[in-house]
């Protein structure tokens, strides 16, 4: 299988778009199913075995929360 290049993309969404994505993710988590999403033209499938965490960062006048999903690639 061809190895994909590293990338670090940040994609903005409206509140409605983000809510819809989070609803689909929550449904997949509750059902123990994989979750598929397309980000900047690349389709990703997050397995049900992924690990989840929430990260909080605070800096000079800015705060950030990241919902992270991590999994091993075969």
PDB file of N, CA and C in Angstrom:
ATOM      1  N   UNK A   1       0.839  -1.180   0.000  1.00  0.00           N
ATOM      2  CA  UNK A   1       0.000   0.000   0.000  1.00  0.00           C
ATOM      3  C   UNK A   1       0.886   1.245   0.000  1.00  0.00           C
ATOM      4  N   UNK A   2       0.560   2.238  -0.797  1.00  0.00           N
ATOM      5  CA  UNK A   2       1.343   3.454  -0.914  1.00  0.00           C
ATOM      6  C   UNK A   2       1.202   4.300   0.360  1.00  0.00           C
ATOM      7  N   UNK A   3       2.329   4.744   0.880  1.00  0.00           N
ATOM      8  CA  UNK A   3       2.330   5.574   2.091  1.00  0.00           C
ATOM      9  C   UNK A   3       1.911   6.997   1.732  1.00  0.00           C
ATOM     10  N   UNK A   4       1.010   7.569   2.515  1.00  0.00           N
ATOM     11  CA  UNK A   4       0.530   8.920   2.256  1.00  0.00           C
ATOM     12  C   UNK A   4       1.441   9.938   2.927  1.00  0.00           C
ATOM     13  N   UNK A   5       1.562  11.092   2.314  1.00  0.00           N
ATOM     14  CA  UNK A   5       2.392  12.167   2.840  1.00  0.00           C
ATOM     15  C   UNK A   5       1.768  12.729   4.121  1.00  0.00           C
ATOM     16  N   UNK A   6       2.627  13.202   5.004  1.00  0.00           N
ATOM     17  CA  UNK A   6       2.145  13.846   6.227  1.00  0.00           C
ATOM     18  C   UNK A   6       1.378  15.113   5.849  1.00  0.00           C
ATOM     19  N   UNK A   7       0.403  15.456   6.647  1.00  0.00           N
ATOM     20  CA  UNK A   7      -0.328  16.701   6.413  1.00  0.00           C
ATOM     21  C   UNK A   7      -0.919  17.195   7.710  1.00  0.00           C
ATOM     22  N   UNK A   8      -1.140  18.483   7.776  1.00  0.00           N
ATOM     23  CA  UNK A   8      -1.724  19.120   8.950  1.00  0.00           C
ATOM     24  C   UNK A   8      -2.674  20.192   8.422  1.00  0.00           C
ATOM     25  N   UNK A   9      -3.951  19.843   8.376  1.00  0.00           N
ATOM     26  CA  UNK A   9      -4.955  20.720   7.773  1.00  0.00           C
ATOM     27  C   UNK A   9      -5.962  21.136   8.841  1.00  0.00           C
ATOM     28  N   UNK A  10      -6.332  22.378   8.793  1.00  0.00           N
ATOM     29  CA  UNK A  10      -7.383  22.884   9.668  1.00  0.00           C
ATOM     30  C   UNK A  10      -8.491  23.404   8.763  1.00  0.00           C
ATOM     31  N   UNK A  11      -9.703  22.885   8.936  1.00  0.00           N
ATOM     32  CA  UNK A  11     -10.829  23.234   8.068  1.00  0.00           C
ATOM     33  C   UNK A  11     -11.920  23.870   8.914  1.00  0.00           C
ATOM     34  N   UNK A  12     -12.389  25.020   8.510  1.00  0.00           N
ATOM     35  CA  UNK A  12     -13.448  25.712   9.235  1.00  0.00           C
ATOM     36  C   UNK A  12     -14.833  25.275   8.777  1.00  0.00           C
ATOM     37  N   UNK A  13     -15.791  25.267   9.709  1.00  0.00           N
ATOM     38  CA  UNK A  13     -17.179  24.889   9.422  1.00  0.00           C
ATOM     39  C   UNK A  13     -18.113  25.861  10.107  1.00  0.00           C
ATOM     40  N   UNK A  14     -19.313  25.987   9.579  1.00  0.00           N
ATOM     41  CA  UNK A  14     -20.343  26.768  10.264  1.00  0.00           C
ATOM     42  C   UNK A  14     -20.799  25.977  11.495  1.00  0.00           C
ATOM     43  N   UNK A  15     -21.501  26.641  12.384  1.00  0.00           N
ATOM     44  CA  UNK A  15     -22.015  25.959  13.582  1.00  0.00           C
ATOM     45  C   UNK A  15     -22.926  24.797  13.188  1.00  0.00           C
ATOM     46  N   UNK A  16     -23.770  24.997  12.185  1.00  0.00           N
ATOM     47  CA  UNK A  16     -24.677  23.936  11.741  1.00  0.00           C
ATOM     48  C   UNK A  16     -23.943  22.747  11.146  1.00  0.00           C
ATOM     49  N   UNK A  17     -22.922  23.022  10.333  1.00  0.00           N
ATOM     50  CA  UNK A  17     -22.134  21.939   9.736  1.00  0.00           C
ATOM     51  C   UNK A  17     -21.397  21.138  10.817  1.00  0.00           C
ATOM     52  N   UNK A  18     -20.822  21.860  11.783  1.00  0.00           N
ATOM     53  CA  UNK A  18     -20.083  21.188  12.854  1.00  0.00           C
ATOM     54  C   UNK A  18     -21.030  20.344  13.698  1.00  0.00           C
ATOM     55  N   UNK A  19     -22.203  20.871  14.002  1.00  0.00           N
ATOM     56  CA  UNK A  19     -23.188  20.116  14.791  1.00  0.00           C
ATOM     57  C   UNK A  19     -23.581  18.828  14.066  1.00  0.00           C
ATOM     58  N   UNK A  20     -23.780  18.895  12.764  1.00  0.00           N
ATOM     59  CA  UNK A  20     -24.154  17.707  11.992  1.00  0.00           C
ATOM     60  C   UNK A  20     -23.039  16.663  12.020  1.00  0.00           C
ATOM     61  N   UNK A  21     -21.793  17.098  11.885  1.00  0.00           N
ATOM     62  CA  UNK A  21     -20.661  16.166  11.925  1.00  0.00           C
ATOM     63  C   UNK A  21     -20.535  15.527  13.301  1.00  0.00           C
ATOM     64  N   UNK A  22     -20.695  16.328  14.352  1.00  0.00           N
ATOM     65  CA  UNK A  22     -20.616  15.788  15.708  1.00  0.00           C
ATOM     66  C   UNK A  22     -21.747  14.807  15.995  1.00  0.00           C
ATOM     67  N   UNK A  23     -22.946  15.076  15.460  1.00  0.00           N
ATOM     68  CA  UNK A  23     -24.069  14.144  15.626  1.00  0.00           C
ATOM     69  C   UNK A  23     -23.770  12.799  14.966  1.00  0.00           C
ATOM     70  N   UNK A  24     -23.232  12.858  13.731  1.00  0.00           N
ATOM     71  CA  UNK A  24     -22.877  11.609  13.038  1.00  0.00           C
ATOM     72  C   UNK A  24     -21.795  10.849  13.791  1.00  0.00           C
ATOM     73  N   UNK A  25     -20.803  11.585  14.313  1.00  0.00           N
ATOM     74  CA  UNK A  25     -19.738  10.953  15.097  1.00  0.00           C
ATOM     75  C   UNK A  25     -20.313  10.321  16.359  1.00  0.00           C
ATOM     76  N   UNK A  26     -21.161  11.044  17.072  1.00  0.00           N
ATOM     77  CA  UNK A  26     -21.766  10.520  18.298  1.00  0.00           C
ATOM     78  C   UNK A  26     -22.591   9.265  18.011  1.00  0.00           C
ATOM     79  N   UNK A  27     -23.353   9.273  16.946  1.00  0.00           N
ATOM     80  CA  UNK A  27     -24.146   8.089  16.579  1.00  0.00           C
ATOM     81  C   UNK A  27     -23.235   6.888  16.323  1.00  0.00           C
ATOM     82  N   UNK A  28     -22.132   7.112  15.592  1.00  0.00           N
ATOM     83  CA  UNK A  28     -21.185   6.020  15.311  1.00  0.00           C
ATOM     84  C   UNK A  28     -20.569   5.482  16.604  1.00  0.00           C
ATOM     85  N   UNK A  29     -20.177   6.392  17.499  1.00  0.00           N
ATOM     86  CA  UNK A  29     -19.579   5.972  18.774  1.00  0.00           C
ATOM     87  C   UNK A  29     -20.550   5.117  19.584  1.00  0.00           C
ATOM     88  N   UNK A  30     -21.789   5.583  19.711  1.00  0.00           N
ATOM     89  CA  UNK A  30     -22.791   4.846  20.485  1.00  0.00           C
ATOM     90  C   UNK A  30     -23.083   3.476  19.898  1.00  0.00           C
ATOM     91  N   UNK A  31     -23.010   3.360  18.579  1.00  0.00           N
ATOM     92  CA  UNK A  31     -23.305   2.095  17.905  1.00  0.00           C
ATOM     93  C   UNK A  31     -22.070   1.210  17.764  1.00  0.00           C
ATOM     94  N   UNK A  32     -20.901   1.699  18.191  1.00  0.00           N
ATOM     95  CA  UNK A  32     -19.670   0.923  18.069  1.00  0.00           C
ATOM     96  C   UNK A  32     -19.244   0.713  16.632  1.00  0.00           C
ATOM     97  N   UNK A  33     -19.561   1.672  15.769  1.00  0.00           N
ATOM     98  CA  UNK A  33     -19.250   1.560  14.336  1.00  0.00           C
ATOM     99  C   UNK A  33     -18.141   2.535  13.936  1.00  0.00           C
ATOM    100  N   UNK A  34     -17.493   2.236  12.821  1.00  0.00           N
ATOM    101  CA  UNK A  34     -16.496   3.140  12.248  1.00  0.00           C
ATOM    102  C   UNK A  34     -17.199   4.424  11.799  1.00  0.00           C
ATOM    103  N   UNK A  35     -16.421   5.498  11.716  1.00  0.00           N
ATOM    104  CA  UNK A  35     -16.942   6.808  11.317  1.00  0.00           C
ATOM    105  C   UNK A  35     -16.168   7.278  10.094  1.00  0.00           C
ATOM    106  N   UNK A  36     -16.873   7.686   9.042  1.00  0.00           N
ATOM    107  CA  UNK A  36     -16.223   8.195   7.834  1.00  0.00           C
ATOM    108  C   UNK A  36     -16.487   9.680   7.689  1.00  0.00           C
ATOM    109  N   UNK A  37     -15.448  10.397   7.275  1.00  0.00           N
ATOM    110  CA  UNK A  37     -15.559  11.841   7.068  1.00  0.00           C
ATOM    111  C   UNK A  37     -14.602  12.242   5.953  1.00  0.00           C
ATOM    112  N   UNK A  38     -14.980  13.259   5.194  1.00  0.00           N
ATOM    113  CA  UNK A  38     -14.095  13.780   4.156  1.00  0.00           C
ATOM    114  C   UNK A  38     -13.601  15.141   4.603  1.00  0.00           C
ATOM    115  N   UNK A  39     -12.267  15.303   4.600  1.00  0.00           N
ATOM    116  CA  UNK A  39     -11.654  16.567   5.006  1.00  0.00           C
ATOM    117  C   UNK A  39     -10.719  17.020   3.900  1.00  0.00           C
ATOM    118  N   UNK A  40     -10.985  18.190   3.364  1.00  0.00           N
ATOM    119  CA  UNK A  40     -10.156  18.779   2.301  1.00  0.00           C
ATOM    120  C   UNK A  40      -9.885  17.778   1.182  1.00  0.00           C
ATOM    121  N   UNK A  41     -10.936  17.083   0.751  1.00  0.00           N
ATOM    122  CA  UNK A  41     -10.842  16.187  -0.390  1.00  0.00           C
ATOM    123  C   UNK A  41     -10.358  14.782  -0.095  1.00  0.00           C
ATOM    124  N   UNK A  42      -9.996  14.486   1.141  1.00  0.00           N
ATOM    125  CA  UNK A  42      -9.540  13.137   1.484  1.00  0.00           C
ATOM    126  C   UNK A  42     -10.552  12.459   2.403  1.00  0.00           C
ATOM    127  N   UNK A  43     -10.988  11.256   2.008  1.00  0.00           N
ATOM    128  CA  UNK A  43     -11.943  10.487   2.813  1.00  0.00           C
ATOM    129  C   UNK A  43     -11.176   9.689   3.843  1.00  0.00           C
ATOM    130  N   UNK A  44     -11.587   9.818   5.096  1.00  0.00           N
ATOM    131  CA  UNK A  44     -10.980   9.107   6.215  1.00  0.00           C
ATOM    132  C   UNK A  44     -12.022   8.221   6.872  1.00  0.00           C
ATOM    133  N   UNK A  45     -11.600   7.043   7.303  1.00  0.00           N
ATOM    134  CA  UNK A  45     -12.465   6.160   8.068  1.00  0.00           C
ATOM    135  C   UNK A  45     -11.801   5.920   9.408  1.00  0.00           C
ATOM    136  N   UNK A  46     -12.463   6.355  10.459  1.00  0.00           N
ATOM    137  CA  UNK A  46     -11.959   6.199  11.815  1.00  0.00           C
ATOM    138  C   UNK A  46     -12.571   4.929  12.375  1.00  0.00           C
ATOM    139  N   UNK A  47     -11.739   3.955  12.746  1.00  0.00           N
ATOM    140  CA  UNK A  47     -12.285   2.692  13.237  1.00  0.00           C
ATOM    141  C   UNK A  47     -12.947   2.850  14.605  1.00  0.00           C
ATOM    142  N   UNK A  48     -13.838   1.931  14.923  1.00  0.00           N
ATOM    143  CA  UNK A  48     -14.527   1.959  16.216  1.00  0.00           C
ATOM    144  C   UNK A  48     -13.546   1.782  17.372  1.00  0.00           C
ATOM    145  N   UNK A  49     -12.348   1.265  17.088  1.00  0.00           N
ATOM    146  CA  UNK A  49     -11.338   1.026  18.122  1.00  0.00           C
ATOM    147  C   UNK A  49     -10.450   2.246  18.378  1.00  0.00           C
ATOM    148  N   UNK A  50     -10.720   3.368  17.727  1.00  0.00           N
ATOM    149  CA  UNK A  50      -9.918   4.578  17.909  1.00  0.00           C
ATOM    150  C   UNK A  50      -9.983   5.032  19.369  1.00  0.00           C
ATOM    151  N   UNK A  51      -8.971   5.782  19.794  1.00  0.00           N
ATOM    152  CA  UNK A  51      -8.984   6.371  21.133  1.00  0.00           C
ATOM    153  C   UNK A  51      -9.412   7.828  21.001  1.00  0.00           C
ATOM    154  N   UNK A  52     -10.022   8.349  22.042  1.00  0.00           N
ATOM    155  CA  UNK A  52     -10.593   9.691  22.011  1.00  0.00           C
ATOM    156  C   UNK A  52     -10.085  10.499  23.189  1.00  0.00           C
ATOM    157  N   UNK A  53      -9.799  11.771  22.956  1.00  0.00           N
ATOM    158  CA  UNK A  53      -9.441  12.665  24.060  1.00  0.00           C
ATOM    159  C   UNK A  53      -9.846  14.090  23.696  1.00  0.00           C
ATOM    160  N   UNK A  54      -9.887  14.918  24.715  1.00  0.00           N
ATOM    161  CA  UNK A  54     -10.177  16.338  24.526  1.00  0.00           C
ATOM    162  C   UNK A  54      -8.981  17.102  25.067  1.00  0.00           C
ATOM    163  N   UNK A  55      -8.471  18.016  24.262  1.00  0.00           N
ATOM    164  CA  UNK A  55      -7.289  18.795  24.631  1.00  0.00           C
ATOM    165  C   UNK A  55      -7.681  20.260  24.785  1.00  0.00           C
ATOM    166  N   UNK A  56      -7.174  20.908  25.826  1.00  0.00           N
ATOM    167  CA  UNK A  56      -7.429  22.333  26.050  1.00  0.00           C
ATOM    168  C   UNK A  56      -6.096  23.065  26.052  1.00  0.00           C
ATOM    169  N   UNK A  57      -5.993  24.118  25.260  1.00  0.00           N
ATOM    170  CA  UNK A  57      -4.791  24.944  25.204  1.00  0.00           C
ATOM    171  C   UNK A  57      -5.175  26.389  25.516  1.00  0.00           C
ATOM    172  N   UNK A  58      -4.298  27.053  26.255  1.00  0.00           N
ATOM    173  CA  UNK A  58      -4.519  28.459  26.580  1.00  0.00           C
ATOM    174  C   UNK A  58      -3.238  29.218  26.259  1.00  0.00           C
ATOM    175  N   UNK A  59      -3.367  30.331  25.547  1.00  0.00           N
ATOM    176  CA  UNK A  59      -2.218  31.141  25.177  1.00  0.00           C
ATOM    177  C   UNK A  59      -2.527  32.607  25.376  1.00  0.00           C
ATOM    178  N   UNK A  60      -1.737  33.442  24.762  1.00  0.00           N
ATOM    179  CA  UNK A  60      -1.869  34.896  24.885  1.00  0.00           C
ATOM    180  C   UNK A  60      -3.206  35.366  24.295  1.00  0.00           C
ATOM    181  N   UNK A  61      -4.224  35.440  25.127  1.00  0.00           N
ATOM    182  CA  UNK A  61      -5.528  35.935  24.701  1.00  0.00           C
ATOM    183  C   UNK A  61      -6.353  34.977  23.865  1.00  0.00           C
ATOM    184  N   UNK A  62      -5.916  33.708  23.753  1.00  0.00           N
ATOM    185  CA  UNK A  62      -6.630  32.729  22.933  1.00  0.00           C
ATOM    186  C   UNK A  62      -6.737  31.414  23.703  1.00  0.00           C
ATOM    187  N   UNK A  63      -7.883  30.770  23.585  1.00  0.00           N
ATOM    188  CA  UNK A  63      -8.063  29.429  24.137  1.00  0.00           C
ATOM    189  C   UNK A  63      -8.556  28.515  23.024  1.00  0.00           C
ATOM    190  N   UNK A  64      -8.235  27.241  23.144  1.00  0.00           N
ATOM    191  CA  UNK A  64      -8.594  26.287  22.100  1.00  0.00           C
ATOM    192  C   UNK A  64      -8.944  24.949  22.734  1.00  0.00           C
ATOM    193  N   UNK A  65      -9.983  24.314  22.204  1.00  0.00           N
ATOM    194  CA  UNK A  65     -10.342  22.953  22.588  1.00  0.00           C
ATOM    195  C   UNK A  65     -10.293  22.103  21.330  1.00  0.00           C
ATOM    196  N   UNK A  66      -9.629  20.973  21.416  1.00  0.00           N
ATOM    197  CA  UNK A  66      -9.556  20.041  20.293  1.00  0.00           C
ATOM    198  C   UNK A  66     -10.147  18.708  20.712  1.00  0.00           C
ATOM    199  N   UNK A  67     -11.057  18.199  19.911  1.00  0.00           N
ATOM    200  CA  UNK A  67     -11.588  16.855  20.093  1.00  0.00           C
ATOM    201  C   UNK A  67     -10.730  15.963  19.206  1.00  0.00           C
ATOM    202  N   UNK A  68      -9.981  15.049  19.808  1.00  0.00           N
ATOM    203  CA  UNK A  68      -9.031  14.249  19.048  1.00  0.00           C
ATOM    204  C   UNK A  68      -9.453  12.794  18.979  1.00  0.00           C
ATOM    205  N   UNK A  69      -9.273  12.234  17.796  1.00  0.00           N
ATOM    206  CA  UNK A  69      -9.506  10.809  17.556  1.00  0.00           C
ATOM    207  C   UNK A  69      -8.199  10.268  17.007  1.00  0.00           C
ATOM    208  N   UNK A  70      -7.691   9.185  17.585  1.00  0.00           N
ATOM    209  CA  UNK A  70      -6.391   8.646  17.175  1.00  0.00           C
ATOM    210  C   UNK A  70      -6.505   7.162  16.955  1.00  0.00           C
ATOM    211  N   UNK A  71      -5.873   6.688  15.853  1.00  0.00           N
ATOM    212  CA  UNK A  71      -5.903   5.267  15.538  1.00  0.00           C
ATOM    213  C   UNK A  71      -4.640   4.896  14.774  1.00  0.00           C
ATOM    214  N   UNK A  72      -4.304   3.622  14.812  1.00  0.00           N
ATOM    215  CA  UNK A  72      -3.143   3.112  14.091  1.00  0.00           C
ATOM    216  C   UNK A  72      -3.532   2.843  12.642  1.00  0.00           C
ATOM    217  N   UNK A  73      -2.625   3.136  11.732  1.00  0.00           N
ATOM    218  CA  UNK A  73      -2.821   2.879  10.310  1.00  0.00           C
ATOM    219  C   UNK A  73      -2.058   1.612   9.960  1.00  0.00           C
ATOM    220  N   UNK A  74      -2.736   0.722   9.276  1.00  0.00           N
ATOM    221  CA  UNK A  74      -2.100  -0.558   8.906  1.00  0.00           C
ATOM    222  C   UNK A  74      -1.375  -0.459   7.603  1.00  0.00           C
TER     223      UNK A  74
END
